[in-house]
Amino acid sequence: MNRKELVEAILKNKELNHLTKKDADNFVNTFLDTVKKAVKKGDDVSLVGFGTFTKVKRAARTGVNPATGEKIKIKAKTLPKFRPGKAWKEMF
């Protein structure tokens, strides 16, 4: 499902039939932007039953170039991470 399909799925909800497509698209954009900004700032975003978005630091490490076998240094970096919640894991 892509963003456009997500917006259309939101519009199919009978309780939200008063929303326009623009309203639903704005909601999705605002939600995603808010989560990104919070995680970038270092805050966790926890949605009970769905999951948690966090910021994690990956340490510097040594890797191997598969083409040449040469050892290379991989820099440390910070990345977003998502951990699904218990209720969501149990669905599968």
PDB file of N, CA and C in Angstrom:
ATOM      1  N   MET A   1       0.854  -1.169   0.000  1.00  0.00           N
ATOM      2  CA  MET A   1       0.000   0.000   0.000  1.00  0.00           C
ATOM      3  C   MET A   1       0.903   1.237   0.000  1.00  0.00           C
ATOM      4  N   ASN A   2       0.650   2.133  -0.918  1.00  0.00           N
ATOM      5  CA  ASN A   2       1.409   3.384  -0.964  1.00  0.00           C
ATOM      6  C   ASN A   2       0.587   4.500  -0.298  1.00  0.00           C
ATOM      7  N   ARG A   3       1.146   5.694  -0.281  1.00  0.00           N
ATOM      8  CA  ARG A   3       0.491   6.826   0.398  1.00  0.00           C
ATOM      9  C   ARG A   3      -0.890   7.113  -0.199  1.00  0.00           C
ATOM     10  N   LYS A   4      -0.996   7.096  -1.524  1.00  0.00           N
ATOM     11  CA  LYS A   4      -2.277   7.380  -2.183  1.00  0.00           C
ATOM     12  C   LYS A   4      -3.333   6.345  -1.772  1.00  0.00           C
ATOM     13  N   GLU A   5      -2.939   5.082  -1.740  1.00  0.00           N
ATOM     14  CA  GLU A   5      -3.868   4.026  -1.344  1.00  0.00           C
ATOM     15  C   GLU A   5      -4.248   4.146   0.139  1.00  0.00           C
ATOM     16  N   LEU A   6      -3.314   4.597   0.966  1.00  0.00           N
ATOM     17  CA  LEU A   6      -3.614   4.815   2.382  1.00  0.00           C
ATOM     18  C   LEU A   6      -4.657   5.908   2.543  1.00  0.00           C
ATOM     19  N   VAL A   7      -4.498   6.995   1.824  1.00  0.00           N
ATOM     20  CA  VAL A   7      -5.470   8.092   1.880  1.00  0.00           C
ATOM     21  C   VAL A   7      -6.844   7.593   1.439  1.00  0.00           C
ATOM     22  N   GLU A   8      -6.900   6.816   0.387  1.00  0.00           N
ATOM     23  CA  GLU A   8      -8.178   6.289  -0.092  1.00  0.00           C
ATOM     24  C   GLU A   8      -8.805   5.330   0.920  1.00  0.00           C
ATOM     25  N   ALA A   9      -7.972   4.535   1.612  1.00  0.00           N
ATOM     26  CA  ALA A   9      -8.490   3.622   2.632  1.00  0.00           C
ATOM     27  C   ALA A   9      -9.075   4.400   3.803  1.00  0.00           C
ATOM     28  N   ILE A  10      -8.450   5.505   4.174  1.00  0.00           N
ATOM     29  CA  ILE A  10      -8.974   6.352   5.250  1.00  0.00           C
ATOM     30  C   ILE A  10     -10.328   6.918   4.848  1.00  0.00           C
ATOM     31  N   LEU A  11     -10.458   7.327   3.593  1.00  0.00           N
ATOM     32  CA  LEU A  11     -11.720   7.901   3.113  1.00  0.00           C
ATOM     33  C   LEU A  11     -12.855   6.884   3.079  1.00  0.00           C
ATOM     34  N   LYS A  12     -12.533   5.590   2.986  1.00  0.00           N
ATOM     35  CA  LYS A  12     -13.565   4.550   2.955  1.00  0.00           C
ATOM     36  C   LYS A  12     -14.170   4.288   4.330  1.00  0.00           C
ATOM     37  N   ASN A  13     -13.534   4.772   5.403  1.00  0.00           N
ATOM     38  CA  ASN A  13     -14.049   4.599   6.750  1.00  0.00           C
ATOM     39  C   ASN A  13     -15.341   5.398   6.887  1.00  0.00           C
ATOM     40  N   LYS A  14     -16.423   4.727   7.245  1.00  0.00           N
ATOM     41  CA  LYS A  14     -17.733   5.378   7.315  1.00  0.00           C
ATOM     42  C   LYS A  14     -17.789   6.498   8.348  1.00  0.00           C
ATOM     43  N   GLU A  15     -17.003   6.386   9.422  1.00  0.00           N
ATOM     44  CA  GLU A  15     -17.002   7.423  10.455  1.00  0.00           C
ATOM     45  C   GLU A  15     -16.258   8.672   9.999  1.00  0.00           C
ATOM     46  N   LEU A  16     -15.470   8.541   8.954  1.00  0.00           N
ATOM     47  CA  LEU A  16     -14.688   9.670   8.456  1.00  0.00           C
ATOM     48  C   LEU A  16     -15.174  10.150   7.091  1.00  0.00           C
ATOM     49  N   ASN A  17     -16.424   9.831   6.738  1.00  0.00           N
ATOM     50  CA  ASN A  17     -16.927  10.186   5.410  1.00  0.00           C
ATOM     51  C   ASN A  17     -17.094  11.690   5.208  1.00  0.00           C
ATOM     52  N   HIS A  18     -16.955  12.475   6.279  1.00  0.00           N
ATOM     53  CA  HIS A  18     -17.043  13.928   6.147  1.00  0.00           C
ATOM     54  C   HIS A  18     -15.725  14.535   5.655  1.00  0.00           C
ATOM     55  N   LEU A  19     -14.654  13.746   5.648  1.00  0.00           N
ATOM     56  CA  LEU A  19     -13.354  14.248   5.196  1.00  0.00           C
ATOM     57  C   LEU A  19     -13.274  14.293   3.674  1.00  0.00           C
ATOM     58  N   THR A  20     -12.566  15.281   3.202  1.00  0.00           N
ATOM     59  CA  THR A  20     -12.274  15.323   1.767  1.00  0.00           C
ATOM     60  C   THR A  20     -10.951  14.591   1.548  1.00  0.00           C
ATOM     61  N   LYS A  21     -10.655  14.327   0.302  1.00  0.00           N
ATOM     62  CA  LYS A  21      -9.395  13.666  -0.023  1.00  0.00           C
ATOM     63  C   LYS A  21      -8.217  14.539   0.423  1.00  0.00           C
ATOM     64  N   LYS A  22      -8.362  15.843   0.282  1.00  0.00           N
ATOM     65  CA  LYS A  22      -7.311  16.776   0.698  1.00  0.00           C
ATOM     66  C   LYS A  22      -7.111  16.718   2.213  1.00  0.00           C
ATOM     67  N   ASP A  23      -8.223  16.633   2.977  1.00  0.00           N
ATOM     68  CA  ASP A  23      -8.134  16.532   4.434  1.00  0.00           C
ATOM     69  C   ASP A  23      -7.386  15.260   4.848  1.00  0.00           C
ATOM     70  N   ALA A  24      -7.742  14.143   4.224  1.00  0.00           N
ATOM     71  CA  ALA A  24      -7.105  12.869   4.555  1.00  0.00           C
ATOM     72  C   ALA A  24      -5.619  12.892   4.196  1.00  0.00           C
ATOM     73  N   ASP A  25      -5.289  13.479   3.053  1.00  0.00           N
ATOM     74  CA  ASP A  25      -3.892  13.586   2.635  1.00  0.00           C
ATOM     75  C   ASP A  25      -3.115  14.486   3.603  1.00  0.00           C
ATOM     76  N   ASN A  26      -3.725  15.589   4.028  1.00  0.00           N
ATOM     77  CA  ASN A  26      -3.093  16.472   5.007  1.00  0.00           C
ATOM     78  C   ASN A  26      -2.867  15.754   6.330  1.00  0.00           C
ATOM     79  N   PHE A  27      -3.835  14.931   6.735  1.00  0.00           N
ATOM     80  CA  PHE A  27      -3.681  14.169   7.973  1.00  0.00           C
ATOM     81  C   PHE A  27      -2.490  13.226   7.884  1.00  0.00           C
ATOM     82  N   VAL A  28      -2.396  12.478   6.802  1.00  0.00           N
ATOM     83  CA  VAL A  28      -1.288  11.527   6.629  1.00  0.00           C
ATOM     84  C   VAL A  28       0.040  12.281   6.628  1.00  0.00           C
ATOM     85  N   ASN A  29       0.124  13.370   5.883  1.00  0.00           N
ATOM     86  CA  ASN A  29       1.357  14.155   5.830  1.00  0.00           C
ATOM     87  C   ASN A  29       1.737  14.719   7.203  1.00  0.00           C
ATOM     88  N   THR A  30       0.765  15.249   7.920  1.00  0.00           N
ATOM     89  CA  THR A  30       1.016  15.814   9.242  1.00  0.00           C
ATOM     90  C   THR A  30       1.468  14.732  10.218  1.00  0.00           C
ATOM     91  N   PHE A  31       0.822  13.578  10.175  1.00  0.00           N
ATOM     92  CA  PHE A  31       1.202  12.470  11.051  1.00  0.00           C
ATOM     93  C   PHE A  31       2.648  12.052  10.789  1.00  0.00           C
ATOM     94  N   LEU A  32       2.986  11.830   9.532  1.00  0.00           N
ATOM     95  CA  LEU A  32       4.337  11.389   9.188  1.00  0.00           C
ATOM     96  C   LEU A  32       5.382  12.443   9.549  1.00  0.00           C
ATOM     97  N   ASP A  33       5.100  13.705   9.261  1.00  0.00           N
ATOM     98  CA  ASP A  33       6.040  14.779   9.593  1.00  0.00           C
ATOM     99  C   ASP A  33       6.246  14.889  11.103  1.00  0.00           C
ATOM    100  N   THR A  34       5.172  14.748  11.869  1.00  0.00           N
ATOM    101  CA  THR A  34       5.261  14.832  13.316  1.00  0.00           C
ATOM    102  C   THR A  34       6.104  13.701  13.889  1.00  0.00           C
ATOM    103  N   VAL A  35       5.898  12.487  13.393  1.00  0.00           N
ATOM    104  CA  VAL A  35       6.687  11.335  13.850  1.00  0.00           C
ATOM    105  C   VAL A  35       8.159  11.541  13.495  1.00  0.00           C
ATOM    106  N   LYS A  36       8.435  11.971  12.265  1.00  0.00           N
ATOM    107  CA  LYS A  36       9.825  12.186  11.837  1.00  0.00           C
ATOM    108  C   LYS A  36      10.527  13.222  12.711  1.00  0.00           C
ATOM    109  N   LYS A  37       9.857  14.346  12.963  1.00  0.00           N
ATOM    110  CA  LYS A  37      10.460  15.411  13.765  1.00  0.00           C
ATOM    111  C   LYS A  37      10.717  14.955  15.196  1.00  0.00           C
ATOM    112  N   ALA A  38       9.774  14.227  15.782  1.00  0.00           N
ATOM    113  CA  ALA A  38       9.927  13.762  17.163  1.00  0.00           C
ATOM    114  C   ALA A  38      11.085  12.774  17.277  1.00  0.00           C
ATOM    115  N   VAL A  39      11.170  11.840  16.347  1.00  0.00           N
ATOM    116  CA  VAL A  39      12.239  10.842  16.386  1.00  0.00           C
ATOM    117  C   VAL A  39      13.587  11.498  16.127  1.00  0.00           C
ATOM    118  N   LYS A  40      13.636  12.433  15.204  1.00  0.00           N
ATOM    119  CA  LYS A  40      14.891  13.135  14.921  1.00  0.00           C
ATOM    120  C   LYS A  40      15.380  13.877  16.156  1.00  0.00           C
ATOM    121  N   LYS A  41      14.449  14.436  16.919  1.00  0.00           N
ATOM    122  CA  LYS A  41      14.779  15.162  18.137  1.00  0.00           C
ATOM    123  C   LYS A  41      15.250  14.221  19.253  1.00  0.00           C
ATOM    124  N   GLY A  42      14.944  12.926  19.112  1.00  0.00           N
ATOM    125  CA  GLY A  42      15.360  11.943  20.114  1.00  0.00           C
ATOM    126  C   GLY A  42      14.221  11.391  20.941  1.00  0.00           C
ATOM    127  N   ASP A  43      12.999  11.826  20.656  1.00  0.00           N
ATOM    128  CA  ASP A  43      11.829  11.317  21.379  1.00  0.00           C
ATOM    129  C   ASP A  43      11.355  10.014  20.748  1.00  0.00           C
ATOM    130  N   ASP A  44      10.859   9.103  21.580  1.00  0.00           N
ATOM    131  CA  ASP A  44      10.212   7.899  21.059  1.00  0.00           C
ATOM    132  C   ASP A  44       8.744   8.224  20.802  1.00  0.00           C
ATOM    133  N   VAL A  45       8.186   7.639  19.765  1.00  0.00           N
ATOM    134  CA  VAL A  45       6.765   7.783  19.471  1.00  0.00           C
ATOM    135  C   VAL A  45       6.157   6.397  19.618  1.00  0.00           C
ATOM    136  N   SER A  46       5.363   6.203  20.679  1.00  0.00           N
ATOM    137  CA  SER A  46       4.768   4.897  20.968  1.00  0.00           C
ATOM    138  C   SER A  46       3.276   4.942  20.704  1.00  0.00           C
ATOM    139  N   LEU A  47       2.812   4.040  19.875  1.00  0.00           N
ATOM    140  CA  LEU A  47       1.392   3.906  19.580  1.00  0.00           C
ATOM    141  C   LEU A  47       0.977   2.523  20.073  1.00  0.00           C
ATOM    142  N   VAL A  48       0.282   2.484  21.211  1.00  0.00           N
ATOM    143  CA  VAL A  48      -0.077   1.226  21.853  1.00  0.00           C
ATOM    144  C   VAL A  48      -0.839   0.337  20.868  1.00  0.00           C
ATOM    145  N   GLY A  49      -0.411  -0.903  20.753  1.00  0.00           N
ATOM    146  CA  GLY A  49      -1.042  -1.857  19.853  1.00  0.00           C
ATOM    147  C   GLY A  49      -0.491  -1.799  18.440  1.00  0.00           C
ATOM    148  N   PHE A  50       0.268  -0.769  18.134  1.00  0.00           N
ATOM    149  CA  PHE A  50       0.846  -0.640  16.796  1.00  0.00           C
ATOM    150  C   PHE A  50       2.352  -0.804  16.843  1.00  0.00           C
ATOM    151  N   GLY A  51       3.036   0.089  17.562  1.00  0.00           N
ATOM    152  CA  GLY A  51       4.481  -0.023  17.657  1.00  0.00           C
ATOM    153  C   GLY A  51       5.131   1.256  18.132  1.00  0.00           C
ATOM    154  N   THR A  52       6.467   1.237  18.125  1.00  0.00           N
ATOM    155  CA  THR A  52       7.243   2.364  18.616  1.00  0.00           C
ATOM    156  C   THR A  52       8.295   2.767  17.590  1.00  0.00           C
ATOM    157  N   PHE A  53       8.360   4.059  17.324  1.00  0.00           N
ATOM    158  CA  PHE A  53       9.387   4.632  16.462  1.00  0.00           C
ATOM    159  C   PHE A  53      10.463   5.210  17.373  1.00  0.00           C
ATOM    160  N   THR A  54      11.734   4.844  17.131  1.00  0.00           N
ATOM    161  CA  THR A  54      12.830   5.326  17.952  1.00  0.00           C
ATOM    162  C   THR A  54      14.012   5.740  17.086  1.00  0.00           C
ATOM    163  N   LYS A  55      14.965   6.393  17.746  1.00  0.00           N
ATOM    164  CA  LYS A  55      16.204   6.806  17.103  1.00  0.00           C
ATOM    165  C   LYS A  55      17.312   5.937  17.701  1.00  0.00           C
ATOM    166  N   VAL A  56      18.101   5.284  16.856  1.00  0.00           N
ATOM    167  CA  VAL A  56      19.180   4.427  17.344  1.00  0.00           C
ATOM    168  C   VAL A  56      20.508   4.849  16.730  1.00  0.00           C
ATOM    169  N   LYS A  57      21.562   4.667  17.503  1.00  0.00           N
ATOM    170  CA  LYS A  57      22.904   4.970  17.016  1.00  0.00           C
ATOM    171  C   LYS A  57      23.576   3.674  16.616  1.00  0.00           C
ATOM    172  N   ARG A  58      24.129   3.656  15.427  1.00  0.00           N
ATOM    173  CA  ARG A  58      24.875   2.497  14.946  1.00  0.00           C
ATOM    174  C   ARG A  58      26.354   2.842  15.063  1.00  0.00           C
ATOM    175  N   ALA A  59      27.100   2.001  15.751  1.00  0.00           N
ATOM    176  CA  ALA A  59      28.523   2.250  15.985  1.00  0.00           C
ATOM    177  C   ALA A  59      29.320   2.095  14.692  1.00  0.00           C
ATOM    178  N   ALA A  60      30.487   2.731  14.664  1.00  0.00           N
ATOM    179  CA  ALA A  60      31.401   2.564  13.536  1.00  0.00           C
ATOM    180  C   ALA A  60      31.881   1.110  13.536  1.00  0.00           C
ATOM    181  N   ARG A  61      32.163   0.587  12.362  1.00  0.00           N
ATOM    182  CA  ARG A  61      32.594  -0.807  12.271  1.00  0.00           C
ATOM    183  C   ARG A  61      33.434  -1.013  11.028  1.00  0.00           C
ATOM    184  N   THR A  62      34.029  -2.169  10.945  1.00  0.00           N
ATOM    185  CA  THR A  62      34.822  -2.521   9.786  1.00  0.00           C
ATOM    186  C   THR A  62      34.019  -3.491   8.935  1.00  0.00           C
ATOM    187  N   GLY A  63      33.973  -3.223   7.644  1.00  0.00           N
ATOM    188  CA  GLY A  63      33.272  -4.091   6.711  1.00  0.00           C
ATOM    189  C   GLY A  63      34.231  -4.603   5.660  1.00  0.00           C
ATOM    190  N   VAL A  64      33.704  -5.402   4.753  1.00  0.00           N
ATOM    191  CA  VAL A  64      34.518  -5.959   3.684  1.00  0.00           C
ATOM    192  C   VAL A  64      33.843  -5.674   2.358  1.00  0.00           C
ATOM    193  N   ASN A  65      34.614  -5.132   1.418  1.00  0.00           N
ATOM    194  CA  ASN A  65      34.118  -4.909   0.066  1.00  0.00           C
ATOM    195  C   ASN A  65      34.006  -6.277  -0.596  1.00  0.00           C
ATOM    196  N   PRO A  66      32.793  -6.718  -0.954  1.00  0.00           N
ATOM    197  CA  PRO A  66      32.624  -8.063  -1.500  1.00  0.00           C
ATOM    198  C   PRO A  66      33.307  -8.259  -2.854  1.00  0.00           C
ATOM    199  N   ALA A  67      33.503  -7.196  -3.598  1.00  0.00           N
ATOM    200  CA  ALA A  67      34.122  -7.325  -4.914  1.00  0.00           C
ATOM    201  C   ALA A  67      35.632  -7.540  -4.823  1.00  0.00           C
ATOM    202  N   THR A  68      36.257  -6.864  -3.847  1.00  0.00           N
ATOM    203  CA  THR A  68      37.720  -6.922  -3.769  1.00  0.00           C
ATOM    204  C   THR A  68      38.236  -7.645  -2.531  1.00  0.00           C
ATOM    205  N   GLY A  69      37.383  -7.824  -1.523  1.00  0.00           N
ATOM    206  CA  GLY A  69      37.814  -8.429  -0.280  1.00  0.00           C
ATOM    207  C   GLY A  69      38.546  -7.449   0.625  1.00  0.00           C
ATOM    208  N   GLU A  70      38.661  -6.212   0.183  1.00  0.00           N
ATOM    209  CA  GLU A  70      39.360  -5.178   0.942  1.00  0.00           C
ATOM    210  C   GLU A  70      38.532  -4.758   2.154  1.00  0.00           C
ATOM    211  N   LYS A  71      39.206  -4.558   3.307  1.00  0.00           N
ATOM    212  CA  LYS A  71      38.517  -4.083   4.502  1.00  0.00           C
ATOM    213  C   LYS A  71      38.281  -2.578   4.371  1.00  0.00           C
ATOM    214  N   ILE A  72      37.078  -2.157   4.774  1.00  0.00           N
ATOM    215  CA  ILE A  72      36.716  -0.744   4.706  1.00  0.00           C
ATOM    216  C   ILE A  72      36.134  -0.319   6.048  1.00  0.00           C
ATOM    217  N   LYS A  73      36.293   0.961   6.373  1.00  0.00           N
ATOM    218  CA  LYS A  73      35.727   1.507   7.593  1.00  0.00           C
ATOM    219  C   LYS A  73      34.342   2.065   7.277  1.00  0.00           C
ATOM    220  N   ILE A  74      33.377   1.675   8.095  1.00  0.00           N
ATOM    221  CA  ILE A  74      32.006   2.177   7.957  1.00  0.00           C
ATOM    222  C   ILE A  74      31.769   3.134   9.116  1.00  0.00           C
ATOM    223  N   LYS A  75      31.402   4.366   8.804  1.00  0.00           N
ATOM    224  CA  LYS A  75      31.216   5.411   9.812  1.00  0.00           C
ATOM    225  C   LYS A  75      30.010   5.122  10.709  1.00  0.00           C
ATOM    226  N   ALA A  76      30.056   5.652  11.916  1.00  0.00           N
ATOM    227  CA  ALA A  76      28.910   5.592  12.824  1.00  0.00           C
ATOM    228  C   ALA A  76      27.799   6.469  12.259  1.00  0.00           C
ATOM    229  N   LYS A  77      26.566   6.082  12.520  1.00  0.00           N
ATOM    230  CA  LYS A  77      25.448   6.914  12.076  1.00  0.00           C
ATOM    231  C   LYS A  77      24.228   6.680  12.942  1.00  0.00           C
ATOM    232  N   THR A  78      23.293   7.589  12.842  1.00  0.00           N
ATOM    233  CA  THR A  78      22.041   7.511  13.581  1.00  0.00           C
ATOM    234  C   THR A  78      20.920   7.231  12.586  1.00  0.00           C
ATOM    235  N   LEU A  79      20.051   6.285  12.950  1.00  0.00           N
ATOM    236  CA  LEU A  79      18.973   5.859  12.057  1.00  0.00           C
ATOM    237  C   LEU A  79      17.644   5.765  12.803  1.00  0.00           C
ATOM    238  N   PRO A  80      16.526   5.860  12.080  1.00  0.00           N
ATOM    239  CA  PRO A  80      15.231   5.592  12.706  1.00  0.00           C
ATOM    240  C   PRO A  80      15.008   4.082  12.779  1.00  0.00           C
ATOM    241  N   LYS A  81      14.231   3.659  13.773  1.00  0.00           N
ATOM    242  CA  LYS A  81      13.919   2.239  13.929  1.00  0.00           C
ATOM    243  C   LYS A  81      12.453   2.114  14.332  1.00  0.00           C
ATOM    244  N   PHE A  82      11.813   1.055  13.860  1.00  0.00           N
ATOM    245  CA  PHE A  82      10.429   0.779  14.231  1.00  0.00           C
ATOM    246  C   PHE A  82      10.352  -0.608  14.853  1.00  0.00           C
ATOM    247  N   ARG A  83       9.719  -0.690  16.030  1.00  0.00           N
ATOM    248  CA  ARG A  83       9.472  -1.969  16.688  1.00  0.00           C
ATOM    249  C   ARG A  83       7.961  -2.172  16.743  1.00  0.00           C
ATOM    250  N   PRO A  84       7.451  -3.211  16.089  1.00  0.00           N
ATOM    251  CA  PRO A  84       6.005  -3.442  16.139  1.00  0.00           C
ATOM    252  C   PRO A  84       5.558  -3.797  17.557  1.00  0.00           C
ATOM    253  N   GLY A  85       4.334  -3.401  17.895  1.00  0.00           N
ATOM    254  CA  GLY A  85       3.768  -3.686  19.207  1.00  0.00           C
ATOM    255  C   GLY A  85       3.300  -5.131  19.311  1.00  0.00           C
ATOM    256  N   LYS A  86       3.055  -5.562  20.537  1.00  0.00           N
ATOM    257  CA  LYS A  86       2.665  -6.944  20.810  1.00  0.00           C
ATOM    258  C   LYS A  86       1.395  -7.341  20.048  1.00  0.00           C
ATOM    259  N   ALA A  87       0.384  -6.487  20.089  1.00  0.00           N
ATOM    260  CA  ALA A  87      -0.887  -6.804  19.420  1.00  0.00           C
ATOM    261  C   ALA A  87      -0.696  -6.973  17.916  1.00  0.00           C
ATOM    262  N   TRP A  88       0.181  -6.159  17.334  1.00  0.00           N
ATOM    263  CA  TRP A  88       0.422  -6.249  15.891  1.00  0.00           C
ATOM    264  C   TRP A  88       1.199  -7.515  15.556  1.00  0.00           C
ATOM    265  N   LYS A  89       2.181  -7.862  16.387  1.00  0.00           N
ATOM    266  CA  LYS A  89       2.960  -9.086  16.166  1.00  0.00           C
ATOM    267  C   LYS A  89       2.062 -10.314  16.237  1.00  0.00           C
ATOM    268  N   GLU A  90       1.109 -10.297  17.166  1.00  0.00           N
ATOM    269  CA  GLU A  90       0.228 -11.450  17.352  1.00  0.00           C
ATOM    270  C   GLU A  90      -0.722 -11.663  16.164  1.00  0.00           C
ATOM    271  N   MET A  91      -0.923 -10.642  15.343  1.00  0.00           N
ATOM    272  CA  MET A  91      -1.787 -10.778  14.167  1.00  0.00           C
ATOM    273  C   MET A  91      -1.181 -11.757  13.160  1.00  0.00           C
ATOM    274  N   PHE A  92       0.134 -11.906  13.186  1.00  0.00           N
ATOM    275  CA  PHE A  92       0.810 -12.757  12.213  1.00  0.00           C
ATOM    276  C   PHE A  92       1.096 -14.082  12.842  1.00  0.00           C
TER     277      PHE A  92
END
